[in-house]
Amino acid sequence: MKKSLLAAAALCALTTAGTALAQQGEGPWLVRARAVSLQSANSDSTNLGLSINDKIIPEVDISYFFSKNLAAELILTVPQEHTLNSKTVGRDIGTLKHLPPTLLLQYHFDLAGYKPYVGAGVNFTRFSDVNLNVAGADIKSTSTGGALQVGVDIPLSKSLYLNFDVKKVYIGTEVYLSGVKQGDFKVDPLLVGVGLGWRF
């Protein structure tokens, strides 16, 4: 009974927030599509000198505004394949994919002509299709870490925005050789993106 009342209260709060925003001429939803430059920090505590390649990736995010200034944003992409290089071995040692959905709580400032925002949250990353050609080498398949964000939406029309966005996402994994941990490899990418957003 208590759970049902809490669920009803939460639904009522979301509906009220959406109605209030609609009365201001803005819907509670904002969907963006971005092209993002992924630049890895490549911090490695093993003796392998590990690094992955930088790349341009597609990104989609969905934001819900609880009020004029407060929103939650879910950031999504498709699994990204990277080549893993070892400076110690002197060559590429395989490939892997990672999928890092990220959830952020944002504060949006309302300034004349543009709308900057800051955000903080958490990401959950899954590593898959790990193919390493070093005998006995493997990595931990999941990672949980923080995420920080700063960006700006520039209105192009009533519901269309030009978006610039920068995120620091903390992603890392443990490296094993024949079942023995060798250290940690931190990807910790800086993500610099540009795209378009639709408010409804």
Protein backbone atom coordinates (compact mmCIF):
# COMPACT_ATOMS: atom_id res chain seq x y z
CA MET A 1 0.00 0.00 0.00
CA LYS A 2 2.80 2.41 0.96
CA LYS A 3 4.66 1.60 -2.28
CA SER A 4 1.51 2.32 -4.31
CA LEU A 5 1.05 5.68 -2.57
CA LEU A 6 4.71 6.61 -3.16
CA ALA A 7 4.45 5.66 -6.84
CA ALA A 8 1.27 7.72 -7.22
CA ALA A 9 2.90 10.70 -5.50
CA ALA A 10 5.96 10.47 -7.78
CA LEU A 11 3.74 10.26 -10.88
CA CYS A 12 1.73 13.25 -9.68
CA ALA A 13 4.91 15.28 -9.10
CA LEU A 14 6.22 14.49 -12.60
CA THR A 15 2.87 15.36 -14.17
CA THR A 16 2.68 18.64 -12.24
CA ALA A 17 6.21 19.57 -13.31
CA GLY A 18 5.42 18.78 -16.95
CA THR A 19 2.21 20.83 -16.80
CA ALA A 20 4.00 23.83 -15.27
CA LEU A 21 6.66 23.77 -17.99
CA ALA A 22 4.03 23.41 -20.71
CA GLN A 23 2.33 26.53 -19.36
CA GLN A 24 5.68 28.34 -19.80
CA GLY A 25 5.74 27.26 -23.45
CA GLU A 26 8.35 24.51 -22.95
CA GLY A 27 7.83 20.77 -22.80
CA PRO A 28 9.59 18.70 -20.11
CA TRP A 29 11.52 16.53 -22.61
CA LEU A 30 14.73 17.39 -24.45
CA VAL A 31 16.35 14.91 -26.84
CA ARG A 32 19.79 15.59 -28.31
CA ALA A 33 21.94 13.90 -30.95
CA ARG A 34 25.66 14.61 -30.85
CA ALA A 35 28.93 13.77 -32.57
CA VAL A 36 31.48 13.24 -29.78
CA SER A 37 35.27 13.15 -29.75
CA LEU A 38 36.40 10.50 -27.24
CA GLN A 39 39.87 11.22 -25.87
CA SER A 40 41.13 8.59 -23.44
CA ALA A 41 43.39 9.40 -20.46
CA ASN A 42 45.06 5.95 -20.77
CA SER A 43 46.28 5.72 -17.17
CA ASP A 44 47.89 2.31 -16.55
CA SER A 45 49.28 0.86 -13.31
CA THR A 46 50.39 -2.40 -14.92
CA ASN A 47 53.80 -2.78 -16.56
CA LEU A 48 52.22 -3.16 -20.00
CA GLY A 49 51.92 0.49 -21.03
CA LEU A 50 48.32 0.05 -22.15
CA SER A 51 46.33 2.54 -24.24
CA ILE A 52 43.26 2.60 -26.47
CA ASN A 53 42.70 4.70 -29.58
CA ASP A 54 40.74 7.96 -29.59
CA LYS A 55 37.73 8.14 -31.92
CA ILE A 56 34.59 10.01 -32.95
CA ILE A 57 31.40 8.36 -31.69
CA PRO A 58 27.63 8.99 -32.02
CA GLU A 59 25.70 9.89 -28.88
CA VAL A 60 22.03 10.35 -28.00
CA ASP A 61 20.73 11.72 -24.73
CA ILE A 62 17.26 12.08 -23.24
CA SER A 63 16.58 14.76 -20.62
CA TYR A 64 13.54 15.28 -18.42
CA PHE A 65 13.04 18.66 -16.74
CA PHE A 66 11.57 18.45 -13.23
CA SER A 67 11.48 22.24 -13.13
CA LYS A 68 12.77 25.18 -15.18
CA ASN A 69 16.33 24.62 -13.94
CA LEU A 70 16.58 21.02 -12.73
CA ALA A 71 16.79 18.05 -15.11
CA ALA A 72 17.98 14.46 -15.33
CA GLU A 73 19.83 13.28 -18.45
CA LEU A 74 20.39 9.72 -19.68
CA ILE A 75 23.28 9.45 -22.16
CA LEU A 76 23.38 6.54 -24.60
CA THR A 77 25.52 5.28 -27.46
CA VAL A 78 26.22 1.96 -29.18
CA PRO A 79 29.04 -0.40 -28.07
CA GLN A 80 32.31 1.21 -29.14
CA GLU A 81 35.21 -0.92 -30.42
CA HIS A 82 38.75 0.09 -29.53
CA THR A 83 42.19 -1.25 -30.34
CA LEU A 84 44.28 -1.98 -27.24
CA ASN A 85 47.98 -1.23 -27.56
CA SER A 86 50.86 -2.22 -25.27
CA LYS A 87 53.93 0.01 -25.29
CA THR A 88 55.88 -2.71 -23.44
CA VAL A 89 55.03 -5.38 -26.02
CA GLY A 90 55.50 -2.84 -28.79
CA ARG A 91 52.32 -3.54 -30.74
CA ASP A 92 48.53 -3.78 -30.68
CA ILE A 93 47.50 -6.69 -28.47
CA GLY A 94 43.81 -6.96 -29.32
CA THR A 95 40.42 -5.27 -29.37
CA LEU A 96 37.52 -4.69 -27.00
CA LYS A 97 34.14 -2.99 -26.93
CA HIS A 98 32.68 -0.85 -24.17
CA LEU A 99 29.16 0.47 -23.57
CA PRO A 100 28.94 3.28 -20.96
CA PRO A 101 25.35 4.47 -20.30
CA THR A 102 25.53 7.52 -18.02
CA LEU A 103 22.88 9.18 -15.82
CA LEU A 104 23.37 12.81 -14.77
CA LEU A 105 21.52 15.33 -12.62
CA GLN A 106 21.79 18.80 -14.17
CA TYR A 107 21.26 22.42 -13.21
CA HIS A 108 20.35 24.70 -16.14
CA PHE A 109 20.99 28.44 -15.98
CA ASP A 110 18.57 30.69 -17.84
CA LEU A 111 20.59 33.50 -19.45
CA ALA A 112 19.59 35.76 -22.32
CA GLY A 113 20.27 34.09 -25.66
CA TYR A 114 21.73 30.83 -24.36
CA LYS A 115 21.27 28.22 -21.62
CA PRO A 116 24.42 26.85 -19.97
CA TYR A 117 24.26 23.88 -17.60
CA VAL A 118 26.38 21.75 -15.29
CA GLY A 119 25.84 18.12 -14.35
CA ALA A 120 27.15 15.29 -12.20
CA GLY A 121 26.24 11.63 -12.06
CA VAL A 122 27.32 8.05 -12.54
CA ASN A 123 28.13 5.69 -15.41
CA PHE A 124 27.96 1.91 -15.62
CA THR A 125 30.28 0.48 -18.28
CA ARG A 126 30.29 -3.04 -19.68
CA PHE A 127 33.31 -4.35 -21.59
CA SER A 128 32.47 -7.00 -24.21
CA ASP A 129 34.01 -8.84 -27.17
CA VAL A 130 37.41 -8.73 -25.47
CA ASN A 131 39.91 -10.33 -27.85
CA LEU A 132 43.47 -10.18 -26.50
CA ASN A 133 46.29 -12.03 -28.26
CA VAL A 134 48.50 -12.23 -25.18
CA ALA A 135 48.28 -15.69 -23.57
CA GLY A 136 46.29 -15.63 -20.32
CA ALA A 137 45.42 -11.91 -20.54
CA ASP A 138 41.93 -10.75 -19.54
CA ILE A 139 40.11 -7.76 -18.01
CA LYS A 140 37.22 -7.23 -15.59
CA SER A 141 34.00 -6.95 -17.58
CA THR A 142 32.27 -4.09 -15.70
CA SER A 143 33.08 -0.65 -14.33
CA THR A 144 31.14 1.91 -12.26
CA GLY A 145 32.36 5.48 -11.88
CA GLY A 146 31.43 9.13 -11.67
CA ALA A 147 30.75 11.63 -14.46
CA LEU A 148 31.00 15.43 -14.64
CA GLN A 149 29.53 17.67 -17.32
CA VAL A 150 29.37 21.25 -18.54
CA GLY A 151 27.55 22.43 -21.64
CA VAL A 152 25.33 25.01 -23.28
CA ASP A 153 22.14 24.97 -25.36
CA ILE A 154 21.78 27.83 -27.84
CA PRO A 155 18.19 28.36 -29.10
CA LEU A 156 17.82 28.23 -32.89
CA SER A 157 14.02 28.29 -32.77
CA LYS A 158 11.26 27.72 -30.21
CA SER A 159 12.07 24.01 -29.84
CA LEU A 160 15.44 23.53 -31.62
CA TYR A 161 18.81 24.04 -29.92
CA LEU A 162 22.46 23.95 -30.93
CA ASN A 163 24.35 22.08 -28.20
CA PHE A 164 27.99 22.09 -27.08
CA ASP A 165 28.88 19.62 -24.32
CA VAL A 166 32.00 18.46 -22.44
CA LYS A 167 32.04 15.46 -20.09
CA LYS A 168 34.67 13.70 -17.99
CA VAL A 169 33.64 10.09 -17.42
CA TYR A 170 35.54 7.82 -15.04
CA ILE A 171 35.89 4.34 -16.55
CA GLY A 172 38.44 1.72 -15.52
CA THR A 173 39.06 -2.00 -15.43
CA GLU A 174 41.32 -4.54 -13.74
CA VAL A 175 43.92 -6.35 -15.86
CA TYR A 176 44.68 -10.03 -15.24
CA LEU A 177 47.38 -12.38 -16.53
CA SER A 178 46.78 -16.10 -15.94
CA GLY A 179 44.21 -15.16 -13.30
CA VAL A 180 46.59 -12.88 -11.36
CA LYS A 181 45.79 -9.17 -11.15
CA GLN A 182 48.51 -7.07 -12.79
CA GLY A 183 47.03 -3.64 -12.04
CA ASP A 184 44.37 -1.20 -13.22
CA PHE A 185 43.81 0.39 -16.60
CA LYS A 186 41.83 3.64 -16.50
CA VAL A 187 40.24 4.89 -19.70
CA ASP A 188 38.72 8.00 -18.01
CA PRO A 189 37.76 9.65 -21.33
CA LEU A 190 37.16 13.33 -22.01
CA LEU A 191 34.12 13.59 -24.28
CA VAL A 192 33.74 16.76 -26.36
CA GLY A 193 30.50 16.92 -28.32
CA VAL A 194 28.43 19.09 -30.62
CA GLY A 195 24.89 18.43 -31.80
CA LEU A 196 21.25 19.42 -31.97
CA GLY A 197 18.49 19.20 -29.38
CA TRP A 198 14.68 19.10 -29.67
CA ARG A 199 12.47 20.27 -26.77
CA PHE A 200 8.90 18.99 -26.53
